[in-house]
Amino acid sequence: MKPEGHDFNATSDPTRSNGAHASYDPGDALAALAKFLKGILAAGGQLIAVYKDRARLSTRRMLTALAGGACAAVLGAVALGASAIAVLRGLCGGFTELWGGRVWLGDLSGGLVAVVLIAMTFAAFVRMSERRWLTQLIAKYDKDRHEDESTEPVAALSTENGREAT
């Protein structure tokens, strides 16, 4: 497939058609080099623009994701708080009925139960955290002890009932 308007049989330099050597013009080489460098600089500028646009898009996507995550966290906290309040109000209403219609005693009982549940949850969390920490420490010290044992010199001879093994 040939580009239109180009004859591949013809030479571009008229002096070569009769067999004579073309004269070398350094200005043409410098112009070609300048054109080449100009093209490289233009391509570099376009590449930088593409990277800038990609960075902006990535930043925008990250900020959008962060904003969406923050909104979801706030909505989840509000929903969880509202449901906890509804459960506590129901618990207080149940205690009110249990105490013969005395609202103040029902509210007091419900509040005490809520505080005890929160304290128990906190205590369980602390206990699990301490166990996990102790397990990690034991594993660390066992590892250190085994590494120390492997670097100690080996006993010269093992003994069996006070005698040297043969």
N, C-alpha and C. Protein backbone atom coordinates (compact mmCIF):
# COMPACT_ATOMS: atom_id res chain seq x y z
N MET A 1 0.85 -1.17 0.00
CA MET A 1 0.00 0.00 0.00
C MET A 1 0.90 1.23 0.00
N LYS A 2 0.78 2.06 -1.04
CA LYS A 2 1.62 3.24 -1.18
C LYS A 2 0.86 4.47 -0.73
N PRO A 3 1.56 5.39 -0.04
CA PRO A 3 0.90 6.65 0.26
C PRO A 3 0.63 7.41 -1.03
N GLU A 4 -0.44 8.13 -1.03
CA GLU A 4 -0.81 8.84 -2.26
C GLU A 4 0.13 9.99 -2.52
N GLY A 5 0.41 10.22 -3.76
CA GLY A 5 1.23 11.34 -4.17
C GLY A 5 2.71 11.07 -4.06
N HIS A 6 3.10 9.81 -3.84
CA HIS A 6 4.52 9.51 -3.72
C HIS A 6 4.88 8.45 -4.74
N ASP A 7 5.93 8.71 -5.47
CA ASP A 7 6.41 7.75 -6.45
C ASP A 7 7.68 7.13 -5.89
N PHE A 8 7.63 5.83 -5.57
CA PHE A 8 8.76 5.16 -4.97
C PHE A 8 9.91 4.94 -5.95
N ASN A 9 9.65 5.02 -7.22
CA ASN A 9 10.71 4.83 -8.21
C ASN A 9 11.50 6.10 -8.43
N ALA A 10 10.93 7.23 -8.13
CA ALA A 10 11.63 8.49 -8.34
C ALA A 10 12.51 8.77 -7.14
N THR A 11 13.60 9.49 -7.38
CA THR A 11 14.48 9.87 -6.29
C THR A 11 14.10 11.27 -5.85
N SER A 12 14.31 11.54 -4.58
CA SER A 12 13.95 12.85 -4.07
C SER A 12 15.01 13.90 -4.40
N ASP A 13 16.23 13.45 -4.67
CA ASP A 13 17.30 14.37 -4.98
C ASP A 13 17.55 14.34 -6.49
N PRO A 14 17.37 15.44 -7.18
CA PRO A 14 17.54 15.42 -8.64
C PRO A 14 18.98 15.17 -9.06
N THR A 15 19.96 15.44 -8.18
CA THR A 15 21.35 15.22 -8.58
C THR A 15 21.71 13.74 -8.58
N ARG A 16 20.97 12.92 -7.91
CA ARG A 16 21.26 11.49 -7.85
C ARG A 16 20.72 10.75 -9.08
N SER A 17 19.81 11.35 -9.77
CA SER A 17 19.24 10.65 -10.92
C SER A 17 20.26 10.47 -12.04
N ASN A 18 21.26 11.35 -12.13
CA ASN A 18 22.24 11.19 -13.19
C ASN A 18 23.52 10.54 -12.68
N GLY A 19 23.49 10.03 -11.41
CA GLY A 19 24.63 9.30 -10.90
C GLY A 19 25.62 10.16 -10.13
N ALA A 20 25.46 11.45 -10.09
CA ALA A 20 26.38 12.31 -9.36
C ALA A 20 26.05 12.26 -7.87
N HIS A 21 27.06 12.48 -7.02
CA HIS A 21 26.84 12.49 -5.58
C HIS A 21 26.23 13.82 -5.16
N ALA A 22 25.29 13.71 -4.19
CA ALA A 22 24.66 14.93 -3.69
C ALA A 22 25.61 15.62 -2.74
N SER A 23 25.55 16.93 -2.71
CA SER A 23 26.39 17.68 -1.78
C SER A 23 25.74 17.65 -0.40
N TYR A 24 26.58 17.61 0.64
CA TYR A 24 26.09 17.53 2.02
C TYR A 24 25.89 18.94 2.53
N ASP A 25 24.69 19.19 3.07
CA ASP A 25 24.39 20.50 3.62
C ASP A 25 24.17 20.33 5.12
N PRO A 26 25.07 20.84 5.99
CA PRO A 26 24.91 20.67 7.43
C PRO A 26 23.68 21.39 7.97
N GLY A 27 23.21 22.38 7.30
CA GLY A 27 22.00 23.09 7.73
C GLY A 27 20.79 22.17 7.72
N ASP A 28 20.72 21.28 6.71
CA ASP A 28 19.61 20.33 6.66
C ASP A 28 19.65 19.36 7.84
N ALA A 29 20.85 18.92 8.19
CA ALA A 29 20.99 17.99 9.31
C ALA A 29 20.61 18.68 10.61
N LEU A 30 21.04 19.93 10.79
CA LEU A 30 20.69 20.67 12.00
C LEU A 30 19.20 20.94 12.06
N ALA A 31 18.60 21.23 10.92
CA ALA A 31 17.15 21.46 10.89
C ALA A 31 16.40 20.18 11.25
N ALA A 32 16.89 19.05 10.74
CA ALA A 32 16.25 17.77 11.05
C ALA A 32 16.41 17.44 12.53
N LEU A 33 17.61 17.71 13.08
CA LEU A 33 17.85 17.47 14.50
C LEU A 33 16.98 18.37 15.36
N ALA A 34 16.86 19.63 14.97
CA ALA A 34 16.02 20.57 15.71
C ALA A 34 14.56 20.12 15.66
N LYS A 35 14.13 19.66 14.50
CA LYS A 35 12.75 19.18 14.37
C LYS A 35 12.52 17.94 15.24
N PHE A 36 13.53 17.05 15.25
CA PHE A 36 13.44 15.84 16.06
C PHE A 36 13.37 16.20 17.55
N LEU A 37 14.25 17.10 18.01
CA LEU A 37 14.24 17.50 19.41
C LEU A 37 12.95 18.22 19.78
N LYS A 38 12.45 19.01 18.86
CA LYS A 38 11.18 19.70 19.10
C LYS A 38 10.05 18.69 19.27
N GLY A 39 10.07 17.64 18.47
CA GLY A 39 9.07 16.58 18.60
C GLY A 39 9.18 15.85 19.92
N ILE A 40 10.43 15.57 20.35
CA ILE A 40 10.64 14.90 21.63
C ILE A 40 10.14 15.77 22.77
N LEU A 41 10.46 17.06 22.75
CA LEU A 41 9.99 17.96 23.79
C LEU A 41 8.46 18.05 23.81
N ALA A 42 7.85 18.08 22.64
CA ALA A 42 6.39 18.13 22.58
C ALA A 42 5.79 16.85 23.14
N ALA A 43 6.38 15.71 22.80
CA ALA A 43 5.88 14.43 23.33
C ALA A 43 6.08 14.36 24.84
N GLY A 44 7.23 14.87 25.32
CA GLY A 44 7.47 14.90 26.76
C GLY A 44 6.46 15.78 27.48
N GLY A 45 6.14 16.92 26.89
CA GLY A 45 5.13 17.80 27.48
C GLY A 45 3.77 17.14 27.53
N GLN A 46 3.43 16.43 26.47
CA GLN A 46 2.15 15.72 26.45
C GLN A 46 2.13 14.60 27.49
N LEU A 47 3.26 13.91 27.65
CA LEU A 47 3.35 12.85 28.64
C LEU A 47 3.20 13.40 30.05
N ILE A 48 3.83 14.53 30.32
CA ILE A 48 3.69 15.17 31.63
C ILE A 48 2.24 15.58 31.86
N ALA A 49 1.59 16.11 30.84
CA ALA A 49 0.18 16.50 30.97
C ALA A 49 -0.69 15.28 31.27
N VAL A 50 -0.40 14.16 30.63
CA VAL A 50 -1.17 12.93 30.87
C VAL A 50 -0.97 12.47 32.31
N TYR A 51 0.28 12.49 32.80
CA TYR A 51 0.54 12.09 34.18
C TYR A 51 -0.13 13.03 35.17
N LYS A 52 -0.14 14.32 34.89
CA LYS A 52 -0.82 15.27 35.77
C LYS A 52 -2.32 14.98 35.82
N ASP A 53 -2.90 14.72 34.64
CA ASP A 53 -4.34 14.41 34.61
C ASP A 53 -4.64 13.12 35.36
N ARG A 54 -3.77 12.12 35.20
CA ARG A 54 -3.98 10.86 35.91
C ARG A 54 -3.87 11.06 37.42
N ALA A 55 -2.93 11.88 37.85
CA ALA A 55 -2.77 12.15 39.28
C ALA A 55 -4.00 12.89 39.82
N ARG A 56 -4.49 13.85 39.06
CA ARG A 56 -5.70 14.57 39.48
C ARG A 56 -6.90 13.62 39.58
N LEU A 57 -7.05 12.75 38.59
CA LEU A 57 -8.16 11.80 38.60
C LEU A 57 -8.03 10.83 39.77
N SER A 58 -6.82 10.38 40.03
CA SER A 58 -6.60 9.47 41.15
C SER A 58 -6.91 10.16 42.47
N THR A 59 -6.49 11.40 42.60
CA THR A 59 -6.78 12.16 43.82
C THR A 59 -8.28 12.37 43.98
N ARG A 60 -8.94 12.70 42.89
CA ARG A 60 -10.39 12.90 42.95
C ARG A 60 -11.10 11.62 43.35
N ARG A 61 -10.69 10.51 42.79
CA ARG A 61 -11.31 9.23 43.14
C ARG A 61 -11.07 8.89 44.61
N MET A 62 -9.84 9.15 45.09
CA MET A 62 -9.54 8.85 46.48
C MET A 62 -10.36 9.74 47.41
N LEU A 63 -10.48 11.02 47.10
CA LEU A 63 -11.27 11.92 47.94
C LEU A 63 -12.75 11.54 47.92
N THR A 64 -13.23 11.13 46.77
CA THR A 64 -14.62 10.69 46.67
C THR A 64 -14.85 9.44 47.52
N ALA A 65 -13.91 8.51 47.45
CA ALA A 65 -14.04 7.30 48.26
C ALA A 65 -13.97 7.62 49.75
N LEU A 66 -13.07 8.52 50.13
CA LEU A 66 -12.97 8.91 51.53
C LEU A 66 -14.24 9.61 52.01
N ALA A 67 -14.78 10.48 51.19
CA ALA A 67 -16.01 11.18 51.57
C ALA A 67 -17.17 10.19 51.69
N GLY A 68 -17.26 9.26 50.76
CA GLY A 68 -18.31 8.24 50.83
C GLY A 68 -18.15 7.36 52.05
N GLY A 69 -16.91 6.97 52.35
CA GLY A 69 -16.66 6.17 53.55
C GLY A 69 -17.00 6.92 54.83
N ALA A 70 -16.66 8.21 54.86
CA ALA A 70 -16.98 9.02 56.05
C ALA A 70 -18.49 9.15 56.22
N CYS A 71 -19.19 9.37 55.12
CA CYS A 71 -20.66 9.47 55.20
C CYS A 71 -21.27 8.15 55.67
N ALA A 72 -20.76 7.05 55.13
CA ALA A 72 -21.28 5.74 55.55
C ALA A 72 -20.99 5.48 57.02
N ALA A 73 -19.80 5.89 57.50
CA ALA A 73 -19.47 5.69 58.91
C ALA A 73 -20.39 6.53 59.81
N VAL A 74 -20.64 7.77 59.41
CA VAL A 74 -21.52 8.63 60.21
C VAL A 74 -22.94 8.07 60.22
N LEU A 75 -23.42 7.66 59.05
CA LEU A 75 -24.77 7.10 58.98
C LEU A 75 -24.87 5.80 59.80
N GLY A 76 -23.84 4.97 59.73
CA GLY A 76 -23.84 3.74 60.51
C GLY A 76 -23.83 4.02 62.01
N ALA A 77 -23.04 5.02 62.43
CA ALA A 77 -22.99 5.37 63.85
C ALA A 77 -24.33 5.92 64.32
N VAL A 78 -24.97 6.75 63.49
CA VAL A 78 -26.27 7.30 63.86
C VAL A 78 -27.31 6.18 63.95
N ALA A 79 -27.30 5.27 62.99
CA ALA A 79 -28.25 4.16 63.02
C ALA A 79 -28.01 3.26 64.22
N LEU A 80 -26.75 2.99 64.52
CA LEU A 80 -26.44 2.16 65.67
C LEU A 80 -26.84 2.85 66.97
N GLY A 81 -26.58 4.15 67.06
CA GLY A 81 -26.99 4.90 68.24
C GLY A 81 -28.50 4.93 68.41
N ALA A 82 -29.22 5.15 67.29
CA ALA A 82 -30.68 5.19 67.36
C ALA A 82 -31.24 3.83 67.78
N SER A 83 -30.66 2.76 67.26
CA SER A 83 -31.16 1.43 67.65
C SER A 83 -30.83 1.13 69.11
N ALA A 84 -29.67 1.56 69.57
CA ALA A 84 -29.32 1.35 70.99
C ALA A 84 -30.27 2.13 71.90
N ILE A 85 -30.60 3.34 71.50
CA ILE A 85 -31.55 4.13 72.30
C ILE A 85 -32.92 3.48 72.31
N ALA A 86 -33.36 2.97 71.16
CA ALA A 86 -34.66 2.30 71.11
C ALA A 86 -34.68 1.06 72.00
N VAL A 87 -33.59 0.29 71.99
CA VAL A 87 -33.51 -0.89 72.85
C VAL A 87 -33.53 -0.48 74.31
N LEU A 88 -32.78 0.57 74.65
CA LEU A 88 -32.74 1.03 76.04
C LEU A 88 -34.09 1.57 76.50
N ARG A 89 -34.80 2.27 75.62
CA ARG A 89 -36.14 2.76 75.98
C ARG A 89 -37.10 1.59 76.20
N GLY A 90 -37.00 0.59 75.35
CA GLY A 90 -37.84 -0.60 75.55
C GLY A 90 -37.50 -1.33 76.83
N LEU A 91 -36.20 -1.40 77.14
CA LEU A 91 -35.77 -2.04 78.38
C LEU A 91 -36.28 -1.26 79.59
N CYS A 92 -36.20 0.06 79.51
CA CYS A 92 -36.70 0.89 80.62
C CYS A 92 -38.22 0.75 80.76
N GLY A 93 -38.93 0.67 79.64
CA GLY A 93 -40.38 0.46 79.70
C GLY A 93 -40.73 -0.87 80.33
N GLY A 94 -39.95 -1.90 80.00
CA GLY A 94 -40.17 -3.22 80.60
C GLY A 94 -39.91 -3.19 82.10
N PHE A 95 -38.85 -2.52 82.52
CA PHE A 95 -38.58 -2.41 83.95
C PHE A 95 -39.64 -1.58 84.66
N THR A 96 -40.17 -0.55 83.96
CA THR A 96 -41.24 0.25 84.56
C THR A 96 -42.46 -0.62 84.86
N GLU A 97 -42.83 -1.46 83.91
CA GLU A 97 -43.95 -2.37 84.13
C GLU A 97 -43.63 -3.38 85.22
N LEU A 98 -42.38 -3.83 85.25
CA LEU A 98 -41.97 -4.80 86.27
C LEU A 98 -42.02 -4.20 87.68
N TRP A 99 -41.72 -2.93 87.81
CA TRP A 99 -41.72 -2.25 89.11
C TRP A 99 -43.06 -1.59 89.42
N GLY A 100 -44.08 -2.00 88.76
CA GLY A 100 -45.44 -1.55 89.11
C GLY A 100 -45.76 -0.15 88.61
N GLY A 101 -45.23 0.26 87.48
CA GLY A 101 -45.58 1.55 86.91
C GLY A 101 -44.72 2.70 87.40
N ARG A 102 -43.73 2.45 88.19
CA ARG A 102 -42.85 3.52 88.66
C ARG A 102 -41.80 3.79 87.58
N VAL A 103 -42.00 4.89 86.84
CA VAL A 103 -41.16 5.22 85.69
C VAL A 103 -39.72 5.48 86.14
N TRP A 104 -39.53 6.22 87.20
CA TRP A 104 -38.18 6.54 87.63
C TRP A 104 -37.38 5.30 87.98
N LEU A 105 -38.04 4.30 88.55
CA LEU A 105 -37.35 3.07 88.91
C LEU A 105 -37.03 2.25 87.65
N GLY A 106 -37.94 2.29 86.69
CA GLY A 106 -37.68 1.60 85.42
C GLY A 106 -36.52 2.23 84.66
N ASP A 107 -36.47 3.58 84.64
CA ASP A 107 -35.36 4.27 83.97
C ASP A 107 -34.04 4.00 84.68
N LEU A 108 -34.07 4.02 85.99
CA LEU A 108 -32.86 3.76 86.77
C LEU A 108 -32.36 2.34 86.52
N SER A 109 -33.26 1.37 86.54
CA SER A 109 -32.87 -0.03 86.30
C SER A 109 -32.33 -0.22 84.90
N GLY A 110 -32.99 0.37 83.91
CA GLY A 110 -32.52 0.26 82.52
C GLY A 110 -31.16 0.89 82.33
N GLY A 111 -30.95 2.06 82.96
CA GLY A 111 -29.65 2.72 82.87
C GLY A 111 -28.55 1.91 83.52
N LEU A 112 -28.86 1.31 84.67
CA LEU A 112 -27.86 0.48 85.34
C LEU A 112 -27.50 -0.75 84.51
N VAL A 113 -28.50 -1.36 83.89
CA VAL A 113 -28.23 -2.52 83.04
C VAL A 113 -27.35 -2.11 81.86
N ALA A 114 -27.63 -0.94 81.26
CA ALA A 114 -26.83 -0.46 80.14
C ALA A 114 -25.38 -0.21 80.57
N VAL A 115 -25.20 0.42 81.72
CA VAL A 115 -23.84 0.69 82.20
C VAL A 115 -23.10 -0.61 82.48
N VAL A 116 -23.77 -1.59 83.09
CA VAL A 116 -23.14 -2.88 83.37
C VAL A 116 -22.76 -3.58 82.07
N LEU A 117 -23.62 -3.55 81.07
CA LEU A 117 -23.30 -4.17 79.77
C LEU A 117 -22.10 -3.51 79.12
N ILE A 118 -22.04 -2.19 79.17
CA ILE A 118 -20.89 -1.47 78.59
C ILE A 118 -19.61 -1.83 79.34
N ALA A 119 -19.67 -1.87 80.66
CA ALA A 119 -18.49 -2.22 81.47
C ALA A 119 -18.04 -3.65 81.19
N MET A 120 -18.98 -4.57 81.04
CA MET A 120 -18.62 -5.96 80.75
C MET A 120 -17.97 -6.08 79.37
N THR A 121 -18.50 -5.35 78.40
CA THR A 121 -17.93 -5.36 77.05
C THR A 121 -16.51 -4.82 77.07
N PHE A 122 -16.29 -3.72 77.79
CA PHE A 122 -14.96 -3.14 77.89
C PHE A 122 -14.00 -4.10 78.58
N ALA A 123 -14.44 -4.74 79.66
CA ALA A 123 -13.60 -5.69 80.38
C ALA A 123 -13.24 -6.88 79.50
N ALA A 124 -14.20 -7.38 78.72
CA ALA A 124 -13.93 -8.50 77.82
C ALA A 124 -12.92 -8.09 76.75
N PHE A 125 -13.05 -6.89 76.23
CA PHE A 125 -12.11 -6.40 75.22
C PHE A 125 -10.70 -6.30 75.80
N VAL A 126 -10.58 -5.76 77.01
CA VAL A 126 -9.27 -5.62 77.64
C VAL A 126 -8.67 -6.99 77.90
N ARG A 127 -9.47 -7.92 78.36
CA ARG A 127 -8.97 -9.26 78.66
C ARG A 127 -8.49 -9.97 77.39
N MET A 128 -9.26 -9.88 76.31
CA MET A 128 -8.85 -10.49 75.04
C MET A 128 -7.57 -9.84 74.52
N SER A 129 -7.47 -8.53 74.66
CA SER A 129 -6.28 -7.82 74.21
C SER A 129 -5.05 -8.26 74.99
N GLU A 130 -5.19 -8.41 76.31
CA GLU A 130 -4.08 -8.87 77.13
C GLU A 130 -3.67 -10.29 76.77
N ARG A 131 -4.63 -11.15 76.53
CA ARG A 131 -4.31 -12.53 76.14
C ARG A 131 -3.55 -12.56 74.82
N ARG A 132 -4.01 -11.77 73.87
CA ARG A 132 -3.34 -11.73 72.57
C ARG A 132 -1.90 -11.22 72.74
N TRP A 133 -1.73 -10.19 73.58
CA TRP A 133 -0.42 -9.63 73.81
C TRP A 133 0.50 -10.65 74.49
N LEU A 134 -0.03 -11.36 75.50
CA LEU A 134 0.77 -12.38 76.18
C LEU A 134 1.14 -13.52 75.24
N THR A 135 0.22 -13.91 74.38
CA THR A 135 0.51 -14.97 73.42
C THR A 135 1.64 -14.53 72.48
N GLN A 136 1.61 -13.29 72.04
CA GLN A 136 2.67 -12.78 71.17
C GLN A 136 4.01 -12.73 71.90
N LEU A 137 3.98 -12.33 73.18
CA LEU A 137 5.22 -12.29 73.95
C LEU A 137 5.80 -13.68 74.15
N ILE A 138 4.94 -14.64 74.46
CA ILE A 138 5.41 -16.02 74.65
C ILE A 138 6.03 -16.54 73.37
N ALA A 139 5.38 -16.29 72.25
CA ALA A 139 5.93 -16.73 70.97
C ALA A 139 7.27 -16.05 70.69
N LYS A 140 7.37 -14.78 71.01
CA LYS A 140 8.62 -14.04 70.79
C LYS A 140 9.74 -14.61 71.65
N TYR A 141 9.45 -14.83 72.94
CA TYR A 141 10.50 -15.33 73.83
C TYR A 141 10.88 -16.76 73.50
N ASP A 142 9.92 -17.58 73.08
CA ASP A 142 10.25 -18.94 72.66
C ASP A 142 11.16 -18.90 71.43
N LYS A 143 10.86 -18.02 70.51
CA LYS A 143 11.67 -17.89 69.30
C LYS A 143 13.08 -17.44 69.67
N ASP A 144 13.17 -16.44 70.55
CA ASP A 144 14.48 -15.96 70.98
C ASP A 144 15.26 -17.05 71.70
N ARG A 145 14.57 -17.83 72.54
CA ARG A 145 15.24 -18.89 73.29
C ARG A 145 15.75 -19.96 72.34
N HIS A 146 14.95 -20.33 71.33
CA HIS A 146 15.38 -21.35 70.37
C HIS A 146 16.54 -20.85 69.53
N GLU A 147 16.54 -19.57 69.19
CA GLU A 147 17.66 -19.02 68.43
C GLU A 147 18.93 -19.03 69.27
N ASP A 148 18.80 -18.70 70.57
CA ASP A 148 19.96 -18.72 71.45
C ASP A 148 20.50 -20.13 71.61
N GLU A 149 19.61 -21.12 71.73
CA GLU A 149 20.05 -22.50 71.89
C GLU A 149 20.79 -22.99 70.65
N SER A 150 20.37 -22.54 69.48
CA SER A 150 21.02 -23.01 68.25
C SER A 150 22.40 -22.38 68.08
N THR A 151 22.65 -21.24 68.72
CA THR A 151 23.95 -20.61 68.59
C THR A 151 24.92 -21.02 69.69
N GLU A 152 24.43 -21.69 70.76
CA GLU A 152 25.32 -22.15 71.83
C GLU A 152 26.17 -23.30 71.32
N PRO A 153 27.40 -23.42 71.86
CA PRO A 153 28.23 -24.55 71.44
C PRO A 153 27.62 -25.87 71.90
N VAL A 154 27.77 -26.85 71.09
CA VAL A 154 27.22 -28.16 71.38
C VAL A 154 28.08 -28.80 72.47
N ALA A 155 27.42 -29.52 73.40
CA ALA A 155 28.15 -30.19 74.48
C ALA A 155 29.13 -31.18 73.87
N ALA A 156 30.26 -31.30 74.51
CA ALA A 156 31.32 -32.15 73.95
C ALA A 156 30.85 -33.59 73.79
N LEU A 157 30.33 -34.14 74.84
CA LEU A 157 29.84 -35.52 74.78
C LEU A 157 28.56 -35.60 75.58
N SER A 158 27.63 -36.38 75.11
CA SER A 158 26.42 -36.58 75.89
C SER A 158 26.71 -37.69 76.89
N THR A 159 26.12 -37.56 78.03
CA THR A 159 26.38 -38.58 79.06
C THR A 159 25.14 -39.41 79.29
N GLU A 160 25.37 -40.61 79.67
CA GLU A 160 24.28 -41.52 79.97
C GLU A 160 24.58 -42.17 81.30
N ASN A 161 23.80 -41.84 82.30
CA ASN A 161 24.01 -42.34 83.68
C ASN A 161 25.39 -41.99 84.18
N GLY A 162 25.85 -40.80 83.88
CA GLY A 162 27.13 -40.36 84.40
C GLY A 162 28.32 -40.83 83.61
N ARG A 163 28.11 -41.69 82.61
CA ARG A 163 29.21 -42.19 81.80
C ARG A 163 29.14 -41.58 80.41
N GLU A 164 30.23 -41.53 79.75
CA GLU A 164 30.26 -41.01 78.38
C GLU A 164 29.63 -42.03 77.45
N ALA A 165 28.89 -41.52 76.50
CA ALA A 165 28.27 -42.42 75.53
C ALA A 165 29.33 -42.89 74.56
N THR A 166 29.18 -44.13 74.14
CA THR A 166 30.15 -44.68 73.21
C THR A 166 29.57 -44.88 71.85
